[in-house]
Structure formats: C-alpha cells, structure tokens
Amino acid sequence: MAKKIKVYVEPNETVSECLDRINEMGYRPIRRIEKPVFEQTGAKDEPVHSHQSILFECVSKES
C-alpha cells in the first residue's frame, strides 16, 4: 500500500502554490478536504466563521 501524507495549505499560500510544493516533494494529491474554522469574538457565545482550512491527502508518484 502506498504511503499517504497530509499537506495543509499554509496561511499565506495559494492552492496552486501548495500543489506545486506537493509535486516537488514527489507526491500527488488524491483527496482535498475543506473544513471551516471558527473563532470566538468578544463576549458573545456565537462563533464567527474565520476561514477555510484546506488539507490534501497525497500518495507517492511512484505507487
């Protein structure tokens, strides 16, 4: 079975730059997962949507 790694898109990085970084590492993405990130602001109990967290599951190109 191919070794899987997880790669996050860094805060000041575009998705395209992340895919280029994955390619340079010798891996290829097989799955993209996006999750919302919420933050508490002020005294209110309601969380506020801050941004999306993007994760790629990758396998080696040689597999």
C-alpha atoms as a PDB file:
ATOM      1  CA  MET A   1       0.000   0.000   0.000  1.00  0.00           C
ATOM      2  CA  ALA A   2       1.219   3.477  -0.864  1.00  0.00           C
ATOM      3  CA  LYS A   3       2.404   5.750   1.912  1.00  0.00           C
ATOM      4  CA  LYS A   4      -0.023   8.632   2.467  1.00  0.00           C
ATOM      5  CA  ILE A   5       0.897  12.061   3.746  1.00  0.00           C
ATOM      6  CA  LYS A   6      -1.257  15.044   4.673  1.00  0.00           C
ATOM      7  CA  VAL A   7      -0.345  18.519   3.460  1.00  0.00           C
ATOM      8  CA  TYR A   8      -2.069  21.705   4.618  1.00  0.00           C
ATOM      9  CA  VAL A   9      -2.293  24.875   2.550  1.00  0.00           C
ATOM     10  CA  GLU A  10      -0.268  27.404   4.541  1.00  0.00           C
ATOM     11  CA  PRO A  11      -1.913  30.718   5.603  1.00  0.00           C
ATOM     12  CA  ASN A  12      -0.144  32.916   3.010  1.00  0.00           C
ATOM     13  CA  GLU A  13      -0.047  30.301   0.242  1.00  0.00           C
ATOM     14  CA  THR A  14      -2.391  29.751  -2.700  1.00  0.00           C
ATOM     15  CA  VAL A  15      -3.800  26.325  -3.526  1.00  0.00           C
ATOM     16  CA  SER A  16      -1.742  26.342  -6.741  1.00  0.00           C
ATOM     17  CA  GLU A  17       1.479  27.007  -4.796  1.00  0.00           C
ATOM     18  CA  CYS A  18       0.625  24.163  -2.414  1.00  0.00           C
ATOM     19  CA  LEU A  19       0.043  21.772  -5.327  1.00  0.00           C
ATOM     20  CA  ASP A  20       3.414  22.791  -6.799  1.00  0.00           C
ATOM     21  CA  ARG A  21       5.047  22.088  -3.401  1.00  0.00           C
ATOM     22  CA  ILE A  22       3.382  18.641  -3.269  1.00  0.00           C
ATOM     23  CA  ASN A  23       4.643  17.882  -6.792  1.00  0.00           C
ATOM     24  CA  GLU A  24       8.206  18.910  -5.849  1.00  0.00           C
ATOM     25  CA  MET A  25       8.058  16.527  -2.861  1.00  0.00           C
ATOM     26  CA  GLY A  26       7.301  13.644  -5.258  1.00  0.00           C
ATOM     27  CA  TYR A  27       3.663  13.161  -4.288  1.00  0.00           C
ATOM     28  CA  ARG A  28       0.309  13.605  -5.983  1.00  0.00           C
ATOM     29  CA  PRO A  29      -2.951  14.644  -4.317  1.00  0.00           C
ATOM     30  CA  ILE A  30      -5.747  12.075  -4.143  1.00  0.00           C
ATOM     31  CA  ARG A  31      -8.198  13.910  -1.894  1.00  0.00           C
ATOM     32  CA  ARG A  32      -8.991  17.510  -0.949  1.00  0.00           C
ATOM     33  CA  ILE A  33     -10.677  18.226   2.384  1.00  0.00           C
ATOM     34  CA  GLU A  34     -12.002  21.656   3.358  1.00  0.00           C
ATOM     35  CA  LYS A  35     -13.133  22.461   6.886  1.00  0.00           C
ATOM     36  CA  PRO A  36     -14.465  25.737   8.251  1.00  0.00           C
ATOM     37  CA  VAL A  37     -12.503  27.432  11.035  1.00  0.00           C
ATOM     38  CA  PHE A  38     -14.474  29.399  13.628  1.00  0.00           C
ATOM     39  CA  GLU A  39     -13.261  31.961  16.180  1.00  0.00           C
ATOM     40  CA  GLN A  40     -14.804  33.416  19.333  1.00  0.00           C
ATOM     41  CA  THR A  41     -15.048  37.190  19.087  1.00  0.00           C
ATOM     42  CA  GLY A  42     -15.972  39.374  22.031  1.00  0.00           C
ATOM     43  CA  ALA A  43     -18.239  38.258  24.851  1.00  0.00           C
ATOM     44  CA  LYS A  44     -20.867  36.661  22.609  1.00  0.00           C
ATOM     45  CA  ASP A  45     -21.187  32.892  22.686  1.00  0.00           C
ATOM     46  CA  GLU A  46     -21.665  32.593  18.931  1.00  0.00           C
ATOM     47  CA  PRO A  47     -18.582  31.544  16.963  1.00  0.00           C
ATOM     48  CA  VAL A  48     -17.823  33.511  13.780  1.00  0.00           C
ATOM     49  CA  HIS A  49     -16.570  31.870  10.572  1.00  0.00           C
ATOM     50  CA  SER A  50     -12.936  32.891  10.129  1.00  0.00           C
ATOM     51  CA  HIS A  51     -11.622  30.971   7.094  1.00  0.00           C
ATOM     52  CA  GLN A  52     -11.421  27.558   5.403  1.00  0.00           C
ATOM     53  CA  SER A  53      -8.727  25.041   6.284  1.00  0.00           C
ATOM     54  CA  ILE A  54      -7.638  23.084   3.188  1.00  0.00           C
ATOM     55  CA  LEU A  55      -5.909  19.701   3.508  1.00  0.00           C
ATOM     56  CA  PHE A  56      -4.642  17.422   0.735  1.00  0.00           C
ATOM     57  CA  GLU A  57      -4.130  13.690   1.219  1.00  0.00           C
ATOM     58  CA  CYS A  58      -1.285  12.621  -1.060  1.00  0.00           C
ATOM     59  CA  VAL A  59       0.420   9.437  -2.227  1.00  0.00           C
ATOM     60  CA  SER A  60       3.826   8.911  -3.759  1.00  0.00           C
ATOM     61  CA  LYS A  61       4.019   9.302  -7.541  1.00  0.00           C
ATOM     62  CA  GLU A  62       5.915   6.003  -7.747  1.00  0.00           C
ATOM     63  CA  SER A  63       2.927   3.985  -6.476  1.00  0.00           C
END
